[in-house]
């Protein structure tokens, strides 16, 4: 399962995302590059916000069983599903493929006890929405656009970086606890009240 989950590590997928954006610009598909950048950055920004929110608010609402939504699942769904969209897969098929990728990575994350099913589900939902965004915004490929660079660059980066890990969770957690503003402050107070009430 570790072998599978490593295909979705941020240390692998962030360079892949940047590489694909550069290739799209060099190939002259500016609309595709813009759609890719908006979808991937949007997905990662939403996940960062959710991770920070649930890091502080999760203990205040234990019924959700969410402390940190899965960034692995979200990133895999938007990157691999989004790549399929850039190759011309229709939006409906792109969504189905990204759901399949999300399920595979989710199973690996839950099996490795890195996330709960609820955390994997949230990540999958956000990532699949990101892949759908690529499919909708990119539009048709430019006539005669070469596929080889769009295949070679991500593949090379995945092969080179597979097994490298980016341990961002502790930094995200510290950042979330530093934000003494609503809703973080309200969640922190609620979690403190719940902890003191249970003693």
Protein backbone atom coordinates (compact mmCIF):
# COMPACT_ATOMS: atom_id res chain seq x y z
CA UNK A 1 0.00 0.00 0.00
CA UNK A 2 2.92 2.34 0.64
CA UNK A 3 4.05 1.90 -2.98
CA UNK A 4 0.60 2.97 -4.19
CA UNK A 5 0.18 5.87 -1.79
CA UNK A 6 3.60 7.27 -2.74
CA UNK A 7 2.25 8.08 -6.23
CA UNK A 8 0.03 10.64 -4.50
CA UNK A 9 2.58 12.31 -2.23
CA UNK A 10 2.86 16.08 -2.57
CA UNK A 11 6.61 15.70 -3.15
CA UNK A 12 5.71 13.89 -6.38
CA UNK A 13 2.57 15.69 -7.49
CA UNK A 14 3.59 19.31 -6.89
CA UNK A 15 6.50 19.04 -9.37
CA UNK A 16 4.21 17.16 -11.77
CA UNK A 17 1.66 19.97 -11.56
CA UNK A 18 4.30 22.61 -12.25
CA UNK A 19 5.84 20.54 -15.07
CA UNK A 20 2.49 20.07 -16.81
CA UNK A 21 1.73 23.80 -16.61
CA UNK A 22 5.10 24.64 -18.18
CA UNK A 23 4.64 22.05 -20.94
CA UNK A 24 1.18 23.40 -21.78
CA UNK A 25 2.55 26.92 -22.10
CA UNK A 26 5.46 25.73 -24.29
CA UNK A 27 3.02 23.79 -26.49
CA UNK A 28 0.99 26.96 -26.95
CA UNK A 29 -2.17 25.75 -25.22
CA UNK A 30 -2.63 28.77 -22.98
CA UNK A 31 -6.28 28.04 -22.20
CA UNK A 32 -5.31 24.53 -21.11
CA UNK A 33 -2.48 25.90 -18.98
CA UNK A 34 -4.83 28.39 -17.33
CA UNK A 35 -7.50 25.75 -16.68
CA UNK A 36 -4.89 23.38 -15.23
CA UNK A 37 -3.36 26.05 -13.00
CA UNK A 38 -6.71 27.32 -11.72
CA UNK A 39 -8.02 23.81 -11.00
CA UNK A 40 -4.87 22.46 -9.34
CA UNK A 41 -4.11 25.59 -7.30
CA UNK A 42 -7.77 25.89 -6.35
CA UNK A 43 -7.90 22.27 -5.20
CA UNK A 44 -4.73 22.62 -3.13
CA UNK A 45 -5.93 25.92 -1.63
CA UNK A 46 -9.27 24.41 -0.63
CA UNK A 47 -7.50 21.43 0.92
CA UNK A 48 -5.11 23.68 2.84
CA UNK A 49 -8.05 25.66 4.20
CA UNK A 50 -9.94 22.49 5.15
CA UNK A 51 -6.88 20.96 6.79
CA UNK A 52 -6.33 24.08 8.87
CA UNK A 53 -10.02 24.31 9.76
CA UNK A 54 -10.38 20.66 10.78
CA UNK A 55 -7.05 20.63 12.63
CA UNK A 56 -8.57 23.11 15.06
CA UNK A 57 -12.29 22.39 14.67
CA UNK A 58 -12.19 18.61 14.29
CA UNK A 59 -11.87 17.88 18.02
CA UNK A 60 -14.85 20.18 18.65
CA UNK A 61 -17.04 18.02 16.36
CA UNK A 62 -15.88 14.41 16.94
CA UNK A 63 -18.95 13.01 15.14
CA UNK A 64 -17.38 13.94 11.78
CA UNK A 65 -14.29 11.80 12.52
CA UNK A 66 -12.23 14.33 10.55
CA UNK A 67 -9.01 15.84 11.88
CA UNK A 68 -7.19 16.42 8.59
CA UNK A 69 -8.78 15.68 5.17
CA UNK A 70 -6.58 13.65 2.84
CA UNK A 71 -4.38 15.81 0.64
CA UNK A 72 -3.01 12.66 -1.03
CA UNK A 73 -6.47 11.68 -2.26
CA UNK A 74 -7.34 15.20 -3.42
CA UNK A 75 -4.04 15.78 -5.22
CA UNK A 76 -4.12 12.38 -6.96
CA UNK A 77 -7.70 12.91 -8.17
CA UNK A 78 -7.09 16.39 -9.59
CA UNK A 79 -3.65 15.66 -11.10
CA UNK A 80 -4.26 12.26 -12.68
CA UNK A 81 -7.88 13.00 -13.55
CA UNK A 82 -6.94 16.45 -14.85
CA UNK A 83 -4.21 14.95 -17.05
CA UNK A 84 -6.79 12.62 -18.58
CA UNK A 85 -8.96 15.65 -19.34
CA UNK A 86 -6.04 17.35 -21.09
CA UNK A 87 -5.66 14.29 -23.31
CA UNK A 88 -9.23 14.79 -24.50
CA UNK A 89 -11.28 12.62 -22.16
CA UNK A 90 -14.85 13.91 -21.91
CA UNK A 91 -15.91 15.55 -18.61
CA UNK A 92 -18.09 12.60 -17.56
CA UNK A 93 -15.29 10.11 -18.20
CA UNK A 94 -12.77 12.43 -16.51
CA UNK A 95 -14.90 12.46 -13.37
CA UNK A 96 -15.27 8.66 -13.42
CA UNK A 97 -11.51 8.23 -13.82
CA UNK A 98 -10.75 10.70 -11.03
CA UNK A 99 -13.23 8.88 -8.77
CA UNK A 100 -11.39 5.62 -9.51
CA UNK A 101 -8.02 7.20 -8.71
CA UNK A 102 -9.44 8.75 -5.54
CA UNK A 103 -10.82 5.37 -4.41
CA UNK A 104 -7.49 3.62 -4.97
CA UNK A 105 -5.52 6.21 -3.06
CA UNK A 106 -8.20 6.43 -0.36
CA UNK A 107 -7.98 2.67 0.24
CA UNK A 108 -4.21 2.94 0.57
CA UNK A 109 -4.43 5.87 3.01
CA UNK A 110 -7.09 4.21 5.18
CA UNK A 111 -5.26 0.85 5.12
CA UNK A 112 -2.07 2.57 6.23
CA UNK A 113 -4.12 4.27 8.99
CA UNK A 114 -3.01 7.68 7.75
CA UNK A 115 -6.63 8.84 7.42
CA UNK A 116 -10.15 7.86 8.35
CA UNK A 117 -12.71 7.03 5.62
CA UNK A 118 -14.35 10.42 6.24
CA UNK A 119 -11.05 12.24 5.70
CA UNK A 120 -10.41 10.31 2.49
CA UNK A 121 -13.95 11.05 1.27
CA UNK A 122 -13.52 14.81 1.73
CA UNK A 123 -10.22 14.74 -0.13
CA UNK A 124 -11.77 12.72 -2.95
CA UNK A 125 -14.69 15.10 -3.27
CA UNK A 126 -12.45 18.15 -3.57
CA UNK A 127 -10.01 16.43 -5.94
CA UNK A 128 -12.73 15.14 -8.28
CA UNK A 129 -14.25 18.61 -8.42
CA UNK A 130 -10.82 19.92 -9.42
CA UNK A 131 -10.49 17.33 -12.21
CA UNK A 132 -13.96 18.25 -13.49
CA UNK A 133 -12.88 21.90 -13.50
CA UNK A 134 -9.94 21.08 -15.77
CA UNK A 135 -12.24 19.19 -18.15
CA UNK A 136 -14.75 22.03 -18.30
CA UNK A 137 -12.37 25.00 -18.53
CA UNK A 138 -9.65 23.62 -20.81
CA UNK A 139 -11.75 23.39 -23.94
CA UNK A 140 -10.60 21.52 -27.06
CA UNK A 141 -6.92 20.86 -27.67
CA UNK A 142 -5.21 23.03 -30.27
CA UNK A 143 -5.04 21.30 -33.68
CA UNK A 144 -1.88 19.28 -34.13
CA UNK A 145 -0.75 19.58 -30.53
CA UNK A 146 1.89 16.98 -29.67
CA UNK A 147 1.08 14.59 -26.85
CA UNK A 148 4.59 13.25 -26.30
CA UNK A 149 5.84 16.06 -23.97
CA UNK A 150 2.60 15.94 -22.00
CA UNK A 151 3.20 12.24 -21.39
CA UNK A 152 6.97 12.28 -20.95
CA UNK A 153 7.35 15.11 -18.42
CA UNK A 154 4.84 13.84 -15.80
CA UNK A 155 6.01 10.26 -16.27
CA UNK A 156 9.66 11.22 -15.81
CA UNK A 157 8.90 13.26 -12.69
CA UNK A 158 6.81 10.47 -11.16
CA UNK A 159 9.56 7.91 -11.79
CA UNK A 160 12.28 10.19 -10.40
CA UNK A 161 10.37 11.34 -7.32
CA UNK A 162 8.36 8.26 -6.34
CA UNK A 163 9.19 7.45 -2.73
CA UNK A 164 10.12 11.03 -1.79
CA UNK A 165 7.90 12.47 0.95
CA UNK A 166 6.85 15.99 1.84
CA UNK A 167 5.87 16.11 5.51
CA UNK A 168 3.64 19.19 5.53
CA UNK A 169 1.09 18.16 8.19
CA UNK A 170 3.04 19.43 11.24
CA UNK A 171 3.59 22.82 9.59
CA UNK A 172 -0.09 23.11 8.63
CA UNK A 173 -1.09 22.20 12.19
CA UNK A 174 1.20 24.81 13.72
CA UNK A 175 -0.06 27.45 11.29
CA UNK A 176 -3.69 26.62 12.06
CA UNK A 177 -3.16 26.97 15.81
CA UNK A 178 -1.42 30.32 15.31
CA UNK A 179 -4.52 31.82 13.68
CA UNK A 180 -6.41 33.32 16.60
CA UNK A 181 -9.32 34.50 14.43
CA UNK A 182 -12.82 33.20 13.82
CA UNK A 183 -13.62 30.34 13.16
CA UNK A 184 -10.32 29.02 14.53
CA UNK A 185 -10.70 30.80 17.86
CA UNK A 186 -14.30 29.61 18.27
CA UNK A 187 -13.34 26.00 17.50
CA UNK A 188 -10.38 26.10 19.87
CA UNK A 189 -12.65 27.40 22.65
CA UNK A 190 -15.28 24.72 21.92
CA UNK A 191 -12.66 21.96 21.95
CA UNK A 192 -11.31 23.27 25.26
CA UNK A 193 -14.80 23.36 26.77
CA UNK A 194 -15.48 19.81 25.56
CA UNK A 195 -12.20 18.58 27.03
CA UNK A 196 -12.82 20.25 30.40
CA UNK A 197 -16.42 18.98 30.49
CA UNK A 198 -15.32 15.38 29.97
CA UNK A 199 -12.93 15.47 32.94
